[in-house]
Protein backbone atom coordinates (compact mmCIF):
# COMPACT_ATOMS: atom_id res chain seq x y z
CA UNK A 1 0.00 0.00 0.00
CA UNK A 2 2.93 2.36 -0.53
CA UNK A 3 1.27 3.51 -3.76
CA UNK A 4 -1.86 5.15 -2.40
CA UNK A 5 -5.22 4.40 -4.09
CA UNK A 6 -6.30 7.91 -3.07
CA UNK A 7 -4.09 9.25 -5.86
CA UNK A 8 -5.97 7.41 -8.61
CA UNK A 9 -8.60 10.18 -9.18
CA UNK A 10 -5.80 12.73 -9.73
CA UNK A 11 -4.09 10.42 -12.19
CA UNK A 12 -7.41 9.87 -13.98
CA UNK A 13 -8.10 13.60 -14.22
CA UNK A 14 -4.70 14.09 -15.86
CA UNK A 15 -5.36 11.22 -18.29
CA UNK A 16 -8.63 12.89 -19.34
CA UNK A 17 -6.57 15.79 -20.70
CA UNK A 18 -5.56 13.53 -23.59
CA UNK A 19 -2.55 11.63 -22.25
CA UNK A 20 -2.18 7.91 -22.90
CA UNK A 21 0.34 7.49 -20.07
CA UNK A 22 0.30 9.29 -16.73
CA UNK A 23 3.26 8.50 -14.49
CA UNK A 24 3.05 8.77 -10.73
CA UNK A 25 6.19 10.55 -9.52
CA UNK A 26 7.00 9.93 -5.87
CA UNK A 27 7.69 13.23 -4.13
CA UNK A 28 9.25 11.51 -1.11
CA UNK A 29 10.10 7.79 -1.00
CA UNK A 30 9.43 5.89 2.21
CA UNK A 31 11.97 3.18 1.51
CA UNK A 32 15.09 2.14 3.36
CA UNK A 33 18.16 4.35 3.01
CA UNK A 34 20.04 1.53 1.32
CA UNK A 35 17.28 0.96 -1.24
CA UNK A 36 17.06 4.65 -2.12
CA UNK A 37 20.83 4.91 -2.59
CA UNK A 38 20.94 1.76 -4.72
CA UNK A 39 17.98 2.95 -6.81
CA UNK A 40 19.65 6.32 -7.47
CA UNK A 41 22.91 4.68 -8.52
CA UNK A 42 21.11 2.17 -10.72
CA UNK A 43 19.11 4.80 -12.62
CA UNK A 44 22.23 6.90 -13.20
CA UNK A 45 24.14 3.85 -14.45
CA UNK A 46 21.25 2.66 -16.61
CA UNK A 47 20.80 6.12 -18.14
CA UNK A 48 24.49 6.11 -19.05
CA UNK A 49 24.33 2.60 -20.51
CA UNK A 50 21.13 3.09 -22.48
CA UNK A 51 21.66 6.73 -23.49
CA UNK A 52 18.06 7.45 -22.40
CA UNK A 53 17.33 9.80 -19.45
CA UNK A 54 15.88 7.90 -16.49
CA UNK A 55 13.76 9.34 -13.68
CA UNK A 56 14.08 7.36 -10.46
CA UNK A 57 11.06 9.08 -8.93
CA UNK A 58 8.68 7.40 -11.40
CA UNK A 59 7.03 4.23 -10.14
CA UNK A 60 5.16 1.53 -12.05
CA UNK A 61 2.09 3.01 -10.38
CA UNK A 62 0.19 5.12 -12.91
CA UNK A 63 -2.59 5.15 -15.48
CA UNK A 64 -2.02 3.69 -18.94
CA UNK A 65 -4.44 3.60 -21.85
CA UNK A 66 -5.49 0.28 -23.30
CA UNK A 67 -3.59 0.93 -26.53
CA UNK A 68 -0.39 1.61 -24.56
CA UNK A 69 -0.77 -1.66 -22.66
CA UNK A 70 -1.62 -3.50 -25.89
CA UNK A 71 1.55 -2.12 -27.46
CA UNK A 72 3.65 -3.29 -24.49
CA UNK A 73 2.09 -6.74 -24.77
CA UNK A 74 3.29 -6.92 -28.37
CA UNK A 75 6.88 -6.86 -27.09
CA UNK A 76 7.57 -10.56 -26.63
CA UNK A 77 11.14 -10.51 -25.30
CA UNK A 78 11.68 -12.76 -22.24
CA UNK A 79 13.59 -10.18 -20.15
CA UNK A 80 11.00 -7.53 -19.36
CA UNK A 81 11.11 -4.16 -17.66
CA UNK A 82 7.75 -2.43 -17.69
CA UNK A 83 9.15 1.02 -16.92
CA UNK A 84 11.53 0.81 -19.88
CA UNK A 85 9.09 -0.83 -22.27
CA UNK A 86 6.29 1.67 -21.60
CA UNK A 87 8.71 4.45 -22.57
CA UNK A 88 9.70 2.61 -25.75
CA UNK A 89 6.12 2.48 -27.13
CA UNK A 90 6.22 6.28 -27.31
CA UNK A 91 2.63 7.37 -26.68
CA UNK A 92 1.81 10.79 -25.25
CA UNK A 93 2.80 10.90 -21.60
CA UNK A 94 3.06 13.14 -18.58
CA UNK A 95 3.69 12.78 -14.86
CA UNK A 96 2.31 14.22 -11.66
CA UNK A 97 3.73 14.14 -8.15
CA UNK A 98 1.97 11.88 -5.69
CA UNK A 99 2.41 11.09 -2.03
CA UNK A 100 4.29 7.89 -1.28
CA UNK A 101 3.26 6.03 1.87
CA UNK A 102 5.18 3.91 4.32
CA UNK A 103 4.94 0.14 3.95
CA UNK A 104 1.66 -1.06 5.47
CA UNK A 105 3.10 -4.31 6.83
CA UNK A 106 5.91 -6.80 6.30
CA UNK A 107 9.24 -6.24 4.61
CA UNK A 108 10.34 -6.05 1.00
CA UNK A 109 11.24 -9.43 -0.51
CA UNK A 110 13.83 -7.76 -2.75
CA UNK A 111 17.13 -8.30 -0.99
CA UNK A 112 20.50 -7.01 -2.19
CA UNK A 113 21.15 -10.09 -4.34
CA UNK A 114 17.81 -9.81 -6.14
CA UNK A 115 18.30 -6.09 -6.73
CA UNK A 116 21.74 -6.72 -8.26
CA UNK A 117 20.36 -9.49 -10.50
CA UNK A 118 17.47 -7.24 -11.58
CA UNK A 119 19.82 -4.38 -12.40
CA UNK A 120 22.10 -6.66 -14.43
CA UNK A 121 19.21 -8.25 -16.33
CA UNK A 122 17.70 -4.88 -17.28
CA UNK A 123 21.06 -3.36 -18.24
CA UNK A 124 22.07 -6.32 -20.40
CA UNK A 125 18.62 -6.64 -21.99
CA UNK A 126 18.35 -2.99 -23.04
CA UNK A 127 21.94 -1.90 -23.70
CA UNK A 128 24.91 -3.16 -25.73
CA UNK A 129 27.23 -0.44 -24.44
CA UNK A 130 29.31 -2.86 -22.30
CA UNK A 131 30.05 -4.89 -25.44
CA UNK A 132 31.08 -1.77 -27.35
CA UNK A 133 33.34 -0.78 -24.48
CA UNK A 134 34.94 -4.23 -24.66
CA UNK A 135 35.65 -3.72 -28.37
CA UNK A 136 37.26 -0.34 -27.66
CA UNK A 137 39.30 -1.82 -24.81
CA UNK A 138 40.57 -4.59 -27.08
CA UNK A 139 41.45 -2.08 -29.81
CA UNK A 140 43.35 0.10 -27.33
CA UNK A 141 45.25 -2.90 -25.95
CA UNK A 142 46.10 -4.16 -29.43
CA UNK A 143 47.29 -0.70 -30.52
CA UNK A 144 49.26 -0.30 -27.31
CA UNK A 145 50.82 -3.70 -27.89
CA UNK A 146 51.98 -2.61 -31.35
CA UNK A 147 53.63 0.48 -29.89
CA UNK A 148 55.09 -1.56 -27.05
CA UNK A 149 56.31 -4.15 -29.54
CA UNK A 150 58.07 -1.52 -31.64
CA UNK A 151 59.71 -0.09 -28.52
CA UNK A 152 60.74 -3.58 -27.34
CA UNK A 153 62.24 -4.38 -30.75
CA UNK A 154 64.13 -1.08 -30.64
CA UNK A 155 65.58 -1.98 -27.26
CA UNK A 156 66.46 -5.44 -28.55
CA UNK A 157 68.30 -4.22 -31.65
CA UNK A 158 70.15 -1.55 -29.66
CA UNK A 159 71.44 -4.18 -27.27
CA UNK A 160 69.38 -3.09 -24.24
CA UNK A 161 67.69 -6.51 -24.05
CA UNK A 162 69.93 -9.53 -23.87
CA UNK A 163 67.62 -12.20 -22.39
CA UNK A 164 66.78 -14.83 -25.08
CA UNK A 165 63.06 -15.00 -25.92
CA UNK A 166 62.06 -11.96 -23.85
CA UNK A 167 61.22 -9.73 -26.81
CA UNK A 168 59.13 -12.27 -28.70
CA UNK A 169 57.29 -13.28 -25.50
CA UNK A 170 56.33 -9.74 -24.47
CA UNK A 171 55.28 -8.63 -27.96
CA UNK A 172 53.22 -11.79 -28.55
CA UNK A 173 51.57 -11.63 -25.12
CA UNK A 174 50.35 -8.06 -25.39
CA UNK A 175 49.32 -8.18 -29.02
CA UNK A 176 47.47 -11.49 -28.77
CA UNK A 177 45.73 -10.44 -25.54
CA UNK A 178 44.44 -7.25 -27.15
CA UNK A 179 43.46 -9.09 -30.32
CA UNK A 180 41.53 -11.76 -28.37
CA UNK A 181 39.60 -9.16 -26.38
CA UNK A 182 38.84 -7.23 -29.58
CA UNK A 183 37.58 -10.37 -31.38
CA UNK A 184 35.44 -11.37 -28.38
CA UNK A 185 33.93 -7.90 -28.38
CA UNK A 186 33.09 -8.12 -32.10
CA UNK A 187 31.49 -11.55 -31.55
CA UNK A 188 29.55 -10.07 -28.66
CA UNK A 189 28.23 -7.28 -30.90
CA UNK A 190 27.04 -9.84 -33.45
CA UNK A 191 25.32 -11.75 -30.65
CA UNK A 192 23.68 -8.55 -29.45
CA UNK A 193 22.27 -8.01 -32.95
CA UNK A 194 20.93 -11.56 -32.93
CA UNK A 195 19.42 -10.88 -29.50
CA UNK A 196 17.74 -7.73 -30.82
CA UNK A 197 16.32 -9.76 -33.69
CA UNK A 198 14.82 -12.53 -31.58
CA UNK A 199 13.04 -10.00 -29.39
CA UNK A 200 10.48 -9.77 -32.15
CA UNK A 201 9.62 -6.14 -31.54
CA UNK A 202 7.19 -4.63 -34.07
CA UNK A 203 8.70 -2.32 -36.70
CA UNK A 204 6.04 0.29 -35.95
CA UNK A 205 3.05 0.91 -33.68
CA UNK A 206 -0.30 2.21 -34.91
CA UNK A 207 -1.72 4.89 -32.65
CA UNK A 208 -4.99 5.47 -34.47
CA UNK A 209 -6.86 4.02 -37.46
CA UNK A 210 -9.09 6.06 -39.74
CA UNK A 211 -11.76 4.45 -41.87
């Protein structure tokens, strides 16, 4: 009962102004200090990963038109995040501030482990930025290995390195490590494209039909 039913008439009045989606924005959250801190960090991280601004004050509590819900139901991917998916459908939306209540009874079943798993699932399902960062890391390591290899060869030919096998070992180690990470990143990007394809999202959504 932290989302108060008393706020429903206000949400409904706002929806009657022509909005398909009316978000309930919590003015003050009555959650544990740890949960609020984790939620703030998650939304900042997810906004950075997805490139889409995220508002941590918005709850799943709100009013949504039938066509908005029907559009969300057309998204058949197994990893689901209602807050993210309802934004993706793109219907007219607004938000109003509501009062958030303290928990009526009991404790939240979402412990730290479940929150971490939820954050990872949502981030991986809606962003390929970590894979792109892996590709860039591999490219940087491979390029750095080339420069390091040239410098190592210079030291070898100028007589600064006398240990047998040292030059070939160091050059091979750095270059191959960077190349492996780069190739894994590229494979990961291909897999992410496959993952996007099997989501089966519609190419477009019809807001209104005219006879």
